[in-house]
Amino acid sequence: MVDKESAANMKALHQELTEKLGDRVVFVKAKYNPQALVDLMNQVSDYLQTLHLQGSYSVGRDTVGEVIEIHAKLSDEQIDQLRSKFDSALLKITNEELHIVLE
C-alpha cells in the first residue's frame, strides 16, 4: 500500500515489480497517509491513558483496513468521547476487556 504513487521511486518500483511478477502483484493506493494513521494511533493511545481505564487495553493499526483498532472495556460515554474527539470512521472499537495470555 502506498501513499504517493506518483513519486519517482514508486514509479520505478512499480515498473520493476510488474515486470518481474506480472499479475501476481497488486498495487493499492492508500486512502490515508500511513504516517498520519500512526500519529492518530499514538494520539488515541495517549487519550486512553487519560481515561484511567481499569484493566488492560490495546491500540493498534490495521494497515489493510486503514483503521485504528481499540480493544478495551469502555463505557458508552467513553466510546462517544472517542468518536467525537477522533474521526469515528477511522476507529474500530472492540468493547470488551482485553485478556492477555502469557505462555
Protein backbone atom coordinates (compact mmCIF):
# COMPACT_ATOMS: atom_id res chain seq x y z
CA MET A 1 0.00 0.00 0.00
CA VAL A 2 1.44 3.35 -0.98
CA ASP A 3 0.53 6.93 -0.19
CA LYS A 4 2.17 8.81 -3.05
CA GLU A 5 2.16 6.55 -6.07
CA SER A 6 3.38 9.34 -8.34
CA ALA A 7 6.74 9.65 -6.56
CA ALA A 8 9.61 8.82 -8.90
CA ASN A 9 10.91 5.97 -6.76
CA MET A 10 7.40 4.45 -6.58
CA LYS A 11 7.01 4.57 -10.37
CA ALA A 12 10.33 2.77 -10.81
CA LEU A 13 9.44 0.20 -8.15
CA HIS A 14 6.01 -0.33 -9.71
CA GLN A 15 7.55 -0.94 -13.13
CA GLU A 16 10.22 -3.30 -11.80
CA LEU A 17 7.77 -5.39 -9.78
CA THR A 18 5.25 -5.53 -12.63
CA GLU A 19 7.98 -6.75 -14.99
CA LYS A 20 9.16 -9.41 -12.55
CA LEU A 21 5.86 -10.53 -11.04
CA GLY A 22 3.22 -9.65 -13.62
CA ASP A 23 -0.29 -10.02 -12.28
CA ARG A 24 0.91 -11.61 -9.03
CA VAL A 25 1.50 -8.16 -7.58
CA VAL A 26 -1.32 -5.78 -6.68
CA PHE A 27 -0.79 -2.09 -6.04
CA VAL A 28 -3.25 -0.31 -3.78
CA LYS A 29 -3.26 3.43 -3.17
CA ALA A 30 -3.76 4.29 0.48
CA LYS A 31 -6.86 6.28 1.36
CA TYR A 32 -4.99 7.88 4.25
CA ASN A 33 -1.39 8.88 4.76
CA PRO A 34 0.24 5.96 6.65
CA GLN A 35 2.22 8.30 8.89
CA ALA A 36 -0.96 10.23 9.74
CA LEU A 37 -2.53 6.94 10.88
CA VAL A 38 0.50 6.18 13.06
CA ASP A 39 0.21 9.66 14.57
CA LEU A 40 -3.52 9.15 15.15
CA MET A 41 -2.86 5.78 16.77
CA ASN A 42 -0.45 7.45 19.20
CA GLN A 43 -2.94 10.25 19.94
CA VAL A 44 -5.69 7.71 20.67
CA SER A 45 -3.34 5.77 22.94
CA ASP A 46 -2.37 8.94 24.81
CA TYR A 47 -6.04 9.86 25.17
CA LEU A 48 -6.97 6.42 26.54
CA GLN A 49 -4.27 6.81 29.18
CA THR A 50 -6.04 9.94 30.43
CA LEU A 51 -9.25 7.94 30.94
CA HIS A 52 -7.59 5.77 33.62
CA LEU A 53 -9.25 2.62 32.34
CA GLN A 54 -9.47 -0.37 34.60
CA GLY A 55 -7.99 -3.48 33.09
CA SER A 56 -5.84 -3.91 30.04
CA TYR A 57 -6.41 -2.31 26.66
CA SER A 58 -4.66 -2.18 23.33
CA VAL A 59 -4.41 0.29 20.48
CA GLY A 60 -3.09 -0.75 17.10
CA ARG A 61 -3.27 -0.02 13.41
CA ASP A 62 -4.88 -2.20 10.75
CA THR A 63 -2.77 -1.39 7.70
CA VAL A 64 -5.09 -3.13 5.25
CA GLY A 65 -8.35 -1.69 6.58
CA GLU A 66 -6.65 1.64 7.34
CA VAL A 67 -8.25 1.99 10.76
CA ILE A 68 -7.12 2.34 14.36
CA GLU A 69 -8.13 -0.72 16.38
CA ILE A 70 -9.05 -0.19 20.02
CA HIS A 71 -9.66 -3.15 22.28
CA ALA A 72 -10.85 -2.06 25.74
CA LYS A 73 -13.75 -2.23 28.16
CA LEU A 74 -15.32 1.20 27.69
CA SER A 75 -18.49 2.88 28.85
CA ASP A 76 -20.93 4.23 26.26
CA GLU A 77 -19.84 7.72 27.29
CA GLN A 78 -16.15 6.90 26.72
CA ILE A 79 -16.95 5.47 23.28
CA ASP A 80 -18.90 8.62 22.40
CA GLN A 81 -15.96 10.75 23.60
CA LEU A 82 -13.53 8.78 21.41
CA ARG A 83 -15.78 9.06 18.38
CA SER A 84 -16.29 12.79 18.84
CA LYS A 85 -12.63 13.54 19.56
CA PHE A 86 -11.27 11.47 16.65
CA ASP A 87 -12.63 10.64 13.19
CA SER A 88 -15.07 7.85 14.03
CA ALA A 89 -14.69 6.37 10.53
CA LEU A 90 -11.05 5.62 11.39
CA LEU A 91 -11.82 3.85 14.68
CA LYS A 92 -12.64 0.17 15.08
CA ILE A 93 -13.64 -0.31 18.70
CA THR A 94 -13.97 -3.72 20.31
CA ASN A 95 -15.73 -3.01 23.59
CA GLU A 96 -14.66 -5.84 25.84
CA GLU A 97 -11.98 -6.41 28.41
CA LEU A 98 -8.66 -7.40 26.90
CA HIS A 99 -7.37 -10.73 28.19
CA ILE A 100 -3.66 -11.27 27.85
CA VAL A 101 -2.49 -14.88 27.89
CA LEU A 102 1.15 -15.48 28.71
CA GLU A 103 2.55 -18.88 27.93
